[in-house]
C-alpha atoms as a PDB file:
ATOM      1  CA  MET A   1       0.000   0.000   0.000  1.00  0.00           C
ATOM      2  CA  ALA A   2       1.374   3.398  -0.979  1.00  0.00           C
ATOM      3  CA  ALA A   3       1.992   6.125   1.557  1.00  0.00           C
ATOM      4  CA  ARG A   4      -0.593   8.845   1.948  1.00  0.00           C
ATOM      5  CA  LEU A   5      -0.542  12.417   3.191  1.00  0.00           C
ATOM      6  CA  LYS A   6      -3.081  14.046   5.479  1.00  0.00           C
ATOM      7  CA  VAL A   7      -3.229  17.743   4.579  1.00  0.00           C
ATOM      8  CA  THR A   8      -4.985  20.136   6.984  1.00  0.00           C
ATOM      9  CA  GLN A   9      -5.616  23.823   6.309  1.00  0.00           C
ATOM     10  CA  ILE A  10      -4.428  25.869   9.302  1.00  0.00           C
ATOM     11  CA  LYS A  11      -4.527  29.447   7.966  1.00  0.00           C
ATOM     12  CA  SER A  12      -6.966  31.549   5.973  1.00  0.00           C
ATOM     13  CA  LYS A  13      -6.659  31.969   2.218  1.00  0.00           C
ATOM     14  CA  VAL A  14      -8.258  35.435   2.207  1.00  0.00           C
ATOM     15  CA  SER A  15      -5.122  37.541   1.737  1.00  0.00           C
ATOM     16  CA  GLU A  16      -3.339  35.047  -0.522  1.00  0.00           C
ATOM     17  CA  LYS A  17      -2.758  35.193  -4.283  1.00  0.00           C
ATOM     18  CA  GLN A  18      -5.318  33.631  -6.607  1.00  0.00           C
ATOM     19  CA  ASN A  19      -3.024  30.760  -7.634  1.00  0.00           C
ATOM     20  CA  GLN A  20      -2.634  29.746  -3.968  1.00  0.00           C
ATOM     21  CA  ARG A  21      -6.410  29.874  -3.458  1.00  0.00           C
ATOM     22  CA  ASP A  22      -6.814  27.664  -6.527  1.00  0.00           C
ATOM     23  CA  THR A  23      -4.226  25.231  -5.184  1.00  0.00           C
ATOM     24  CA  LEU A  24      -6.112  24.892  -1.891  1.00  0.00           C
ATOM     25  CA  ARG A  25      -9.309  24.222  -3.847  1.00  0.00           C
ATOM     26  CA  SER A  26      -7.501  21.607  -5.972  1.00  0.00           C
ATOM     27  CA  LEU A  27      -6.416  19.863  -2.779  1.00  0.00           C
ATOM     28  CA  GLY A  28     -10.065  19.846  -1.659  1.00  0.00           C
ATOM     29  CA  LEU A  29      -9.654  22.345   1.181  1.00  0.00           C
ATOM     30  CA  LYS A  30     -12.361  24.961   1.673  1.00  0.00           C
ATOM     31  CA  ARG A  31     -11.934  26.363   5.181  1.00  0.00           C
ATOM     32  CA  ILE A  32      -9.645  26.385   8.193  1.00  0.00           C
ATOM     33  CA  GLY A  33      -9.665  22.994   9.882  1.00  0.00           C
ATOM     34  CA  ASP A  34     -10.587  21.023   6.759  1.00  0.00           C
ATOM     35  CA  ALA A  35      -8.446  17.934   6.213  1.00  0.00           C
ATOM     36  CA  VAL A  36      -8.031  15.647   3.224  1.00  0.00           C
ATOM     37  CA  VAL A  37      -6.059  12.453   2.636  1.00  0.00           C
ATOM     38  CA  ARG A  38      -4.182  12.421  -0.641  1.00  0.00           C
ATOM     39  CA  PRO A  39      -1.741   9.948  -2.219  1.00  0.00           C
ATOM     40  CA  ASP A  40       1.915  10.767  -1.648  1.00  0.00           C
ATOM     41  CA  ASP A  41       2.939  11.548  -5.221  1.00  0.00           C
ATOM     42  CA  LEU A  42       4.796  14.336  -6.998  1.00  0.00           C
ATOM     43  CA  GLN A  43       1.625  16.253  -7.844  1.00  0.00           C
ATOM     44  CA  THR A  44       0.441  16.353  -4.239  1.00  0.00           C
ATOM     45  CA  ARG A  45       3.930  17.278  -3.014  1.00  0.00           C
ATOM     46  CA  GLY A  46       3.970  20.179  -5.481  1.00  0.00           C
ATOM     47  CA  TYR A  47       0.571  21.416  -4.302  1.00  0.00           C
ATOM     48  CA  VAL A  48       1.701  21.242  -0.681  1.00  0.00           C
ATOM     49  CA  ARG A  49       4.937  23.086  -1.441  1.00  0.00           C
ATOM     50  CA  ALA A  50       2.982  25.926  -3.089  1.00  0.00           C
ATOM     51  CA  VAL A  51       0.826  26.495   0.001  1.00  0.00           C
ATOM     52  CA  ALA A  52       3.149  25.204   2.734  1.00  0.00           C
ATOM     53  CA  HIS A  53       2.564  28.287   4.861  1.00  0.00           C
ATOM     54  CA  LEU A  54      -1.213  27.586   4.921  1.00  0.00           C
ATOM     55  CA  VAL A  55      -1.296  23.848   5.623  1.00  0.00           C
ATOM     56  CA  LYS A  56      -0.022  21.168   7.984  1.00  0.00           C
ATOM     57  CA  VAL A  57       1.047  17.826   6.499  1.00  0.00           C
ATOM     58  CA  GLU A  58       1.235  14.419   8.191  1.00  0.00           C
ATOM     59  CA  GLU A  59       2.275  11.101   6.687  1.00  0.00           C
ATOM     60  CA  ILE A  60      -0.155   8.226   7.117  1.00  0.00           C
ATOM     61  CA  ASP A  61       0.944   4.616   6.766  1.00  0.00           C
END
């Protein structure tokens, strides 16, 4: 079974650039406290890197 990432939004997207807002939406995050589980692949890692200051990431086995 492949590793997965739990991504939780911890800060607001209100004052952020549009591309960062779009990235949060692509991850499936809508509001502070929302969490999603995504596969640990290059695409997800890129999304997380773009909004690293807005999210918390945990690895799930």
